Amino acid sequence: MANHRPYLYLAQIGAADDPKGADVLAGWYKRNLLIYGNLVRLIDSPDERIFLLIGQGHAKLLSEYVSESPNLRLEDPAKYLP
């Protein structure tokens, strides 16, 4: 997604001995992984559905995490919304 590009530019800020941008970006990725972990912990049974409404800045990474997770399935919410 094009909206992810600014984060990659952010990673380039700083120097090898002081990677300010990468440090900030590492926090961003950590936040997304924490959201993913919390999402997984909400699930009580294999038949349960979770609807996560989240901003598009997080959506790219969370979609990737869910798609690659062996015990989750990513669905298009348009199927369930009027």
N, C-alpha and C. Protein backbone atom coordinates (compact mmCIF):
# COMPACT_ATOMS: atom_id res chain seq x y z
N MET A 1 0.84 -1.19 0.00
CA MET A 1 0.00 0.00 0.00
C MET A 1 0.88 1.24 0.00
N ALA A 2 0.44 2.21 -0.73
CA ALA A 2 1.19 3.47 -0.80
C ALA A 2 1.22 4.17 0.56
N ASN A 3 0.22 3.91 1.40
CA ASN A 3 0.18 4.56 2.71
C ASN A 3 1.26 4.04 3.65
N HIS A 4 1.90 2.97 3.28
CA HIS A 4 2.96 2.40 4.12
C HIS A 4 4.32 3.04 3.79
N ARG A 5 4.42 3.66 2.65
CA ARG A 5 5.70 4.25 2.22
C ARG A 5 6.28 5.27 3.18
N PRO A 6 5.47 6.15 3.75
CA PRO A 6 6.06 7.11 4.70
C PRO A 6 6.81 6.45 5.85
N TYR A 7 6.33 5.29 6.27
CA TYR A 7 7.03 4.59 7.36
C TYR A 7 8.41 4.12 6.89
N LEU A 8 8.49 3.73 5.63
CA LEU A 8 9.79 3.30 5.10
C LEU A 8 10.74 4.48 4.96
N TYR A 9 10.21 5.64 4.62
CA TYR A 9 11.04 6.85 4.60
C TYR A 9 11.50 7.20 6.02
N LEU A 10 10.62 7.02 6.96
CA LEU A 10 10.95 7.29 8.36
C LEU A 10 12.15 6.45 8.81
N ALA A 11 12.19 5.21 8.35
CA ALA A 11 13.29 4.32 8.74
C ALA A 11 14.65 4.83 8.27
N GLN A 12 14.65 5.70 7.28
CA GLN A 12 15.90 6.20 6.71
C GLN A 12 16.46 7.40 7.46
N ILE A 13 15.71 7.94 8.40
CA ILE A 13 16.16 9.12 9.14
C ILE A 13 17.19 8.71 10.19
N GLY A 14 18.25 9.48 10.27
CA GLY A 14 19.29 9.22 11.26
C GLY A 14 20.54 8.66 10.61
N ALA A 15 21.41 8.14 11.44
CA ALA A 15 22.68 7.60 10.98
C ALA A 15 22.83 6.17 11.49
N ALA A 16 23.83 5.49 10.99
CA ALA A 16 24.05 4.10 11.40
C ALA A 16 24.23 3.98 12.91
N ASP A 17 24.90 4.94 13.51
CA ASP A 17 25.14 4.88 14.95
C ASP A 17 24.01 5.53 15.77
N ASP A 18 23.03 6.14 15.10
CA ASP A 18 21.89 6.76 15.78
C ASP A 18 20.67 6.72 14.85
N PRO A 19 20.09 5.53 14.66
CA PRO A 19 18.98 5.38 13.71
C PRO A 19 17.63 5.84 14.28
N LYS A 20 17.49 7.15 14.41
CA LYS A 20 16.28 7.72 15.03
C LYS A 20 14.99 7.23 14.38
N GLY A 21 14.95 7.29 13.07
CA GLY A 21 13.74 6.88 12.35
C GLY A 21 13.42 5.42 12.55
N ALA A 22 14.41 4.57 12.48
CA ALA A 22 14.19 3.13 12.67
C ALA A 22 13.73 2.84 14.10
N ASP A 23 14.25 3.58 15.05
CA ASP A 23 13.81 3.39 16.44
C ASP A 23 12.33 3.73 16.60
N VAL A 24 11.91 4.83 16.00
CA VAL A 24 10.49 5.22 16.05
C VAL A 24 9.65 4.17 15.35
N LEU A 25 10.11 3.73 14.18
CA LEU A 25 9.37 2.75 13.40
C LEU A 25 9.27 1.41 14.12
N ALA A 26 10.31 1.04 14.86
CA ALA A 26 10.26 -0.20 15.63
C ALA A 26 9.12 -0.14 16.65
N GLY A 27 8.89 1.01 17.24
CA GLY A 27 7.77 1.18 18.15
C GLY A 27 6.44 1.01 17.45
N TRP A 28 6.36 1.49 16.22
CA TRP A 28 5.14 1.37 15.41
C TRP A 28 4.83 -0.09 15.12
N TYR A 29 5.85 -0.84 14.72
CA TYR A 29 5.65 -2.27 14.45
C TYR A 29 5.29 -3.01 15.74
N LYS A 30 5.92 -2.64 16.83
CA LYS A 30 5.60 -3.27 18.11
C LYS A 30 4.13 -3.03 18.46
N ARG A 31 3.68 -1.81 18.24
CA ARG A 31 2.27 -1.49 18.54
C ARG A 31 1.33 -2.38 17.73
N ASN A 32 1.65 -2.56 16.44
CA ASN A 32 0.81 -3.41 15.59
C ASN A 32 0.84 -4.86 16.03
N LEU A 33 2.00 -5.34 16.45
CA LEU A 33 2.09 -6.72 16.95
C LEU A 33 1.33 -6.89 18.26
N LEU A 34 1.33 -5.86 19.10
CA LEU A 34 0.55 -5.91 20.34
C LEU A 34 -0.94 -5.95 20.03
N ILE A 35 -1.38 -5.16 19.06
CA ILE A 35 -2.79 -5.19 18.64
C ILE A 35 -3.15 -6.58 18.14
N TYR A 36 -2.28 -7.16 17.31
CA TYR A 36 -2.52 -8.52 16.79
C TYR A 36 -2.61 -9.53 17.96
N GLY A 37 -1.68 -9.45 18.89
CA GLY A 37 -1.71 -10.36 20.03
C GLY A 37 -2.99 -10.23 20.83
N ASN A 38 -3.43 -9.00 21.05
CA ASN A 38 -4.69 -8.78 21.78
C ASN A 38 -5.87 -9.33 21.00
N LEU A 39 -5.85 -9.16 19.69
CA LEU A 39 -6.92 -9.68 18.84
C LEU A 39 -7.02 -11.20 18.98
N VAL A 40 -5.90 -11.88 18.90
CA VAL A 40 -5.88 -13.34 19.01
C VAL A 40 -6.38 -13.79 20.38
N ARG A 41 -6.00 -13.07 21.42
CA ARG A 41 -6.43 -13.46 22.78
C ARG A 41 -7.93 -13.27 23.01
N LEU A 42 -8.59 -12.49 22.17
CA LEU A 42 -10.04 -12.31 22.30
C LEU A 42 -10.83 -13.54 21.85
N ILE A 43 -10.21 -14.38 21.07
CA ILE A 43 -10.90 -15.52 20.48
C ILE A 43 -11.04 -16.65 21.50
N ASP A 44 -12.29 -17.07 21.72
CA ASP A 44 -12.57 -18.12 22.69
C ASP A 44 -12.79 -19.49 22.03
N SER A 45 -13.17 -19.50 20.75
CA SER A 45 -13.42 -20.78 20.08
C SER A 45 -13.09 -20.63 18.60
N PRO A 46 -12.86 -21.75 17.92
CA PRO A 46 -12.53 -21.70 16.48
C PRO A 46 -13.66 -21.15 15.62
N ASP A 47 -14.89 -21.19 16.14
CA ASP A 47 -16.05 -20.71 15.37
C ASP A 47 -16.35 -19.23 15.59
N GLU A 48 -15.62 -18.60 16.47
CA GLU A 48 -15.89 -17.20 16.81
C GLU A 48 -15.41 -16.26 15.71
N ARG A 49 -16.14 -15.18 15.53
CA ARG A 49 -15.76 -14.13 14.59
C ARG A 49 -15.45 -12.87 15.38
N ILE A 50 -14.43 -12.16 14.94
CA ILE A 50 -14.05 -10.89 15.53
C ILE A 50 -14.08 -9.85 14.44
N PHE A 51 -14.74 -8.74 14.70
CA PHE A 51 -14.76 -7.62 13.77
C PHE A 51 -13.86 -6.53 14.33
N LEU A 52 -12.81 -6.21 13.61
CA LEU A 52 -11.87 -5.19 14.05
C LEU A 52 -11.99 -3.99 13.13
N LEU A 53 -12.36 -2.88 13.69
CA LEU A 53 -12.44 -1.63 12.95
C LEU A 53 -11.24 -0.80 13.37
N ILE A 54 -10.36 -0.52 12.42
CA ILE A 54 -9.11 0.15 12.76
C ILE A 54 -8.69 1.03 11.59
N GLY A 55 -7.89 2.03 11.89
CA GLY A 55 -7.43 2.95 10.86
C GLY A 55 -6.55 2.28 9.82
N GLN A 56 -6.51 2.88 8.64
CA GLN A 56 -5.80 2.24 7.55
C GLN A 56 -4.29 2.19 7.76
N GLY A 57 -3.75 3.03 8.61
CA GLY A 57 -2.33 2.95 8.91
C GLY A 57 -1.96 1.62 9.55
N HIS A 58 -2.86 1.09 10.36
CA HIS A 58 -2.64 -0.20 11.00
C HIS A 58 -3.13 -1.35 10.12
N ALA A 59 -4.08 -1.07 9.25
CA ALA A 59 -4.76 -2.13 8.50
C ALA A 59 -3.81 -2.96 7.64
N LYS A 60 -2.84 -2.35 7.02
CA LYS A 60 -1.94 -3.10 6.15
C LYS A 60 -1.21 -4.20 6.92
N LEU A 61 -0.58 -3.81 8.02
CA LEU A 61 0.18 -4.79 8.79
C LEU A 61 -0.73 -5.82 9.44
N LEU A 62 -1.84 -5.38 10.02
CA LEU A 62 -2.73 -6.33 10.69
C LEU A 62 -3.35 -7.30 9.69
N SER A 63 -3.65 -6.83 8.49
CA SER A 63 -4.15 -7.73 7.45
C SER A 63 -3.11 -8.79 7.11
N GLU A 64 -1.86 -8.37 7.01
CA GLU A 64 -0.79 -9.32 6.73
C GLU A 64 -0.65 -10.34 7.86
N TYR A 65 -0.66 -9.87 9.09
CA TYR A 65 -0.51 -10.77 10.24
C TYR A 65 -1.64 -11.80 10.27
N VAL A 66 -2.87 -11.33 10.09
CA VAL A 66 -4.02 -12.24 10.14
C VAL A 66 -3.98 -13.21 8.96
N SER A 67 -3.65 -12.71 7.77
CA SER A 67 -3.59 -13.57 6.59
C SER A 67 -2.54 -14.66 6.72
N GLU A 68 -1.45 -14.37 7.40
CA GLU A 68 -0.37 -15.32 7.55
C GLU A 68 -0.49 -16.18 8.81
N SER A 69 -1.47 -15.88 9.64
CA SER A 69 -1.66 -16.63 10.88
C SER A 69 -2.26 -18.00 10.56
N PRO A 70 -1.72 -19.07 11.15
CA PRO A 70 -2.23 -20.40 10.84
C PRO A 70 -3.62 -20.70 11.42
N ASN A 71 -4.05 -19.91 12.40
CA ASN A 71 -5.33 -20.20 13.04
C ASN A 71 -6.38 -19.11 12.84
N LEU A 72 -6.14 -18.18 11.93
CA LEU A 72 -7.10 -17.12 11.65
C LEU A 72 -7.39 -17.04 10.16
N ARG A 73 -8.53 -16.46 9.83
CA ARG A 73 -8.89 -16.25 8.43
C ARG A 73 -9.38 -14.82 8.28
N LEU A 74 -8.84 -14.12 7.33
CA LEU A 74 -9.23 -12.74 7.05
C LEU A 74 -10.42 -12.75 6.11
N GLU A 75 -11.47 -12.05 6.48
CA GLU A 75 -12.68 -11.96 5.67
C GLU A 75 -12.88 -10.53 5.22
N ASP A 76 -13.53 -10.37 4.10
CA ASP A 76 -13.90 -9.05 3.61
C ASP A 76 -15.16 -8.62 4.38
N PRO A 77 -15.08 -7.53 5.15
CA PRO A 77 -16.25 -7.14 5.95
C PRO A 77 -17.45 -6.73 5.11
N ALA A 78 -17.24 -6.40 3.85
CA ALA A 78 -18.36 -6.02 2.98
C ALA A 78 -19.39 -7.14 2.86
N LYS A 79 -18.96 -8.38 3.05
CA LYS A 79 -19.89 -9.51 3.00
C LYS A 79 -20.92 -9.47 4.11
N TYR A 80 -20.59 -8.79 5.21
CA TYR A 80 -21.45 -8.81 6.39
C TYR A 80 -22.14 -7.49 6.66
N LEU A 81 -21.77 -6.45 5.93
CA LEU A 81 -22.33 -5.12 6.15
C LEU A 81 -23.34 -4.78 5.08
N PRO A 82 -24.38 -4.04 5.46
CA PRO A 82 -25.38 -3.67 4.44
C PRO A 82 -24.84 -2.66 3.45
